[in-house]
Protein backbone atom coordinates (compact mmCIF):
# COMPACT_ATOMS: atom_id res chain seq x y z
CA ALA A 1 66.15 -15.75 -109.24
CA VAL A 2 66.19 -19.43 -108.36
CA THR A 3 69.62 -20.52 -107.25
CA ARG A 4 71.20 -23.72 -105.98
CA PRO A 5 71.98 -24.09 -102.28
CA GLY A 6 75.26 -22.32 -101.51
CA VAL A 7 74.78 -19.64 -104.21
CA ASP A 8 73.98 -16.34 -102.55
CA PRO A 9 71.61 -14.18 -104.65
CA GLU A 10 72.97 -11.07 -102.91
CA VAL A 11 76.42 -11.86 -104.32
CA MET A 12 75.24 -13.06 -107.75
CA ALA A 13 72.90 -10.15 -108.58
CA PRO A 14 75.58 -7.43 -108.96
CA LEU A 15 77.83 -9.81 -110.90
CA LEU A 16 75.05 -10.68 -113.34
CA ARG A 17 74.02 -7.03 -113.66
CA ASN A 18 77.64 -6.06 -114.45
CA LEU A 19 77.87 -8.81 -117.09
CA LEU A 20 74.69 -7.61 -118.78
CA MET A 21 75.83 -3.98 -118.71
CA THR A 22 79.29 -4.81 -120.08
CA ARG A 23 78.52 -7.46 -122.69
CA PHE A 24 74.97 -6.48 -123.76
CA LYS A 25 75.17 -2.70 -123.17
CA MET A 26 72.18 -2.88 -120.88
CA THR A 27 70.87 0.35 -119.39
CA TYR A 28 68.23 0.36 -116.68
CA HIS A 29 66.59 2.39 -113.98
CA GLU A 30 64.80 1.56 -110.75
CA GLU A 31 61.30 2.64 -109.88
CA ALA A 32 58.56 1.85 -107.38
CA ARG A 33 55.63 -0.15 -108.76
CA GLN A 34 52.62 -2.00 -107.43
CA VAL A 35 53.46 -5.72 -107.24
CA THR A 36 51.83 -8.81 -105.79
CA ALA A 37 53.87 -9.78 -102.75
CA TYR A 38 53.33 -11.93 -99.67
CA SER A 39 52.98 -11.42 -95.95
CA LEU A 40 53.60 -14.21 -93.45
CA THR A 41 50.72 -14.10 -90.97
CA PRO A 42 49.71 -16.23 -87.99
CA ASP A 43 46.73 -18.57 -88.17
CA LYS A 44 47.13 -21.22 -85.47
CA PRO A 45 50.92 -21.38 -85.01
CA LYS A 46 52.36 -24.86 -84.44
CA LEU A 47 55.89 -23.77 -83.55
CA LYS A 48 58.25 -24.79 -80.76
CA LYS A 49 59.91 -21.99 -78.79
CA ALA A 50 63.69 -22.23 -79.20
CA ASP A 51 66.41 -22.29 -76.57
CA PRO A 52 67.83 -18.73 -76.82
CA ALA A 53 71.36 -20.12 -76.31
CA SER A 54 71.15 -22.38 -79.39
CA ARG A 55 72.71 -21.48 -82.72
CA ILE A 56 70.57 -19.52 -85.21
CA PHE A 57 70.16 -21.03 -88.69
CA CYS A 58 67.82 -22.01 -91.50
CA ARG A 59 68.99 -24.71 -93.92
CA ARG A 60 67.47 -26.05 -97.10
CA GLY A 61 68.06 -29.68 -97.91
CA PRO A 62 66.54 -32.84 -99.29
CA ALA A 63 63.19 -33.94 -97.92
CA PRO A 64 62.95 -37.08 -95.78
CA VAL A 65 62.84 -40.46 -97.53
CA GLY A 66 59.32 -41.19 -98.74
CA SER A 67 58.46 -37.54 -99.47
CA ALA A 68 56.83 -36.59 -102.76
CA PRO A 69 59.10 -36.13 -105.80
CA GLY A 70 60.56 -32.62 -106.03
CA SER A 71 60.26 -32.04 -102.28
CA GLN A 72 62.75 -30.27 -100.10
CA MET A 73 62.91 -29.40 -96.42
CA LEU A 74 63.65 -26.07 -94.77
CA THR A 75 64.86 -26.62 -91.20
CA CYS A 76 65.20 -23.64 -88.87
CA GLN A 77 66.65 -23.47 -85.37
CA ASN A 78 66.24 -20.47 -83.06
CA ALA A 79 65.02 -18.53 -86.10
CA THR A 80 63.01 -15.34 -85.93
CA MET A 81 59.97 -15.07 -88.16
CA ALA A 82 61.78 -12.28 -90.08
CA LEU A 83 64.61 -14.71 -90.89
CA PHE A 84 62.10 -17.40 -91.88
CA ALA A 85 60.23 -14.96 -94.16
CA GLU A 86 63.54 -14.09 -95.86
CA GLN A 87 64.36 -17.78 -96.33
CA LEU A 88 60.92 -18.51 -97.77
CA ALA A 89 61.42 -16.01 -100.56
CA GLN A 90 64.61 -17.85 -101.58
CA SER A 91 63.16 -21.35 -101.23
CA ASP A 92 60.43 -21.56 -103.85
CA PRO A 93 60.21 -20.33 -107.46
CA GLY A 94 56.59 -19.24 -106.87
CA LEU A 95 57.67 -16.61 -104.35
CA ASN A 96 59.23 -14.00 -106.63
CA TRP A 97 58.91 -11.07 -104.23
CA PRO A 98 60.10 -10.55 -100.67
CA VAL A 99 57.98 -12.11 -97.96
CA LEU A 100 57.29 -9.77 -95.06
CA ASP A 101 56.93 -11.01 -91.49
CA ALA A 102 53.52 -9.93 -90.21
CA THR A 103 53.19 -12.68 -87.57
CA GLY A 104 53.93 -10.57 -84.51
CA LEU A 105 55.71 -13.64 -83.09
CA GLU A 106 58.76 -12.54 -81.11
CA GLY A 107 61.91 -14.50 -80.35
CA GLY A 108 63.41 -17.65 -81.85
CA TRP A 109 61.59 -20.79 -82.97
CA ASP A 110 62.55 -24.36 -83.94
CA PHE A 111 60.65 -25.95 -86.84
CA ALA A 112 60.92 -27.75 -90.17
CA VAL A 113 58.69 -27.51 -93.22
CA THR A 114 58.65 -29.94 -96.17
CA PHE A 115 57.25 -28.80 -99.52
CA SER A 116 57.43 -29.51 -103.24
CA ILE A 117 59.29 -27.05 -105.45
CA LEU A 118 57.59 -28.40 -108.57
CA PRO A 119 54.85 -26.19 -110.05
CA PRO A 120 51.35 -27.53 -109.25
CA GLY A 121 50.77 -28.65 -112.86
CA LEU A 122 53.98 -30.75 -112.82
CA ASN A 123 53.60 -32.36 -109.41
CA ALA A 124 52.39 -35.91 -110.00
CA GLY A 125 48.85 -36.38 -108.78
CA ARG A 126 48.21 -32.71 -107.97
CA GLY A 127 44.93 -31.16 -108.87
CA GLY A 128 44.19 -27.46 -108.99
CA PRO A 129 45.13 -24.73 -111.39
CA VAL A 130 48.03 -24.99 -113.80
CA GLY A 131 49.95 -21.81 -114.54
CA ASP A 132 51.20 -19.01 -112.39
CA ALA A 133 51.73 -20.37 -108.86
CA ARG A 134 51.33 -16.85 -107.48
CA SER A 135 47.79 -16.35 -108.79
CA ALA A 136 45.95 -18.51 -106.26
CA LEU A 137 46.45 -21.23 -103.74
CA PRO A 138 45.93 -24.70 -105.17
CA SER A 139 42.48 -26.08 -104.44
CA ALA A 140 43.23 -29.80 -104.16
CA SER A 141 45.72 -31.58 -101.94
CA ASP A 142 48.26 -33.97 -103.37
CA PRO A 143 47.55 -37.63 -102.60
CA SER A 144 51.31 -38.31 -102.70
CA GLY A 145 51.78 -35.98 -99.70
CA GLY A 146 53.64 -33.19 -101.53
CA TYR A 147 52.49 -29.73 -100.56
CA THR A 148 53.10 -26.41 -102.26
CA ILE A 149 54.96 -23.91 -100.09
CA PHE A 150 51.60 -22.26 -99.35
CA GLU A 151 49.98 -25.50 -98.17
CA ALA A 152 53.04 -26.61 -96.19
CA VAL A 153 53.37 -23.34 -94.28
CA ASP A 154 49.66 -23.52 -93.45
CA LYS A 155 49.30 -27.22 -92.56
CA GLN A 156 52.70 -27.87 -90.97
CA LEU A 157 53.38 -24.54 -89.22
CA GLY A 158 49.95 -22.97 -88.74
CA LEU A 159 50.99 -19.81 -90.60
CA LYS A 160 49.66 -18.27 -93.81
CA LEU A 161 51.31 -16.70 -96.86
CA LYS A 162 48.83 -14.03 -97.89
CA PRO A 163 49.17 -12.33 -101.27
CA GLU A 164 48.73 -8.57 -101.25
CA LYS A 165 49.43 -5.58 -103.45
CA ARG A 166 52.19 -3.29 -102.25
CA THR A 167 54.73 -0.91 -103.69
CA ASP A 168 58.20 -2.36 -104.18
CA LYS A 169 61.36 -1.39 -106.03
CA VAL A 170 61.72 -2.96 -109.48
CA ILE A 171 64.41 -2.77 -112.17
CA VAL A 172 63.19 -1.56 -115.56
CA VAL A 173 65.44 -2.37 -118.53
CA ASP A 174 65.65 0.63 -120.87
CA HIS A 175 67.92 -0.89 -123.51
CA MET A 176 69.78 -4.12 -124.22
CA GLU A 177 71.68 -5.28 -127.30
CA THR A 178 70.70 -8.69 -128.69
CA THR A 179 74.30 -9.64 -129.52
CA PRO A 180 77.00 -9.56 -126.84
CA THR A 181 80.24 -7.67 -127.37
CA GLU A 182 83.44 -9.62 -128.05
CA ASN A 183 85.54 -10.83 -125.11
């Protein structure tokens, strides 16, 4: 789910699930299925080793002035690649599944990455395929300087987000009423 900064999906998910079960009589089960997910892998890393004594964080915020419309920046300090992979999955609507750290890079790192959260078909001036952002990496770069999350991670950090098939837990809705119950 795409959420605003400050809204924790870990907190919201059980609340939303409870609402659906109570008001719409939803029943569900969990099962393992093959899904397309991503692994964060090294290519030619362009990262700065962090001071181990510095505070650990990753923050999403507005992109610098002059960035392409719809851009945001993810700034990390003394962050492990596992933390960064977790933050990536929450940063872009095109990353619907968990991102696994497969970089092999140990320790903390300082870096920032600026990317557009607009789908490729809506980003002004962007070429490439329109549709599901997960199906393929865009083929043309944006003359306005806005990169997809895939392009930004590659060009700015020297890492790759590689799609792969793997088994993951999914929720399967068995039943749901179309009309909610009364308050």
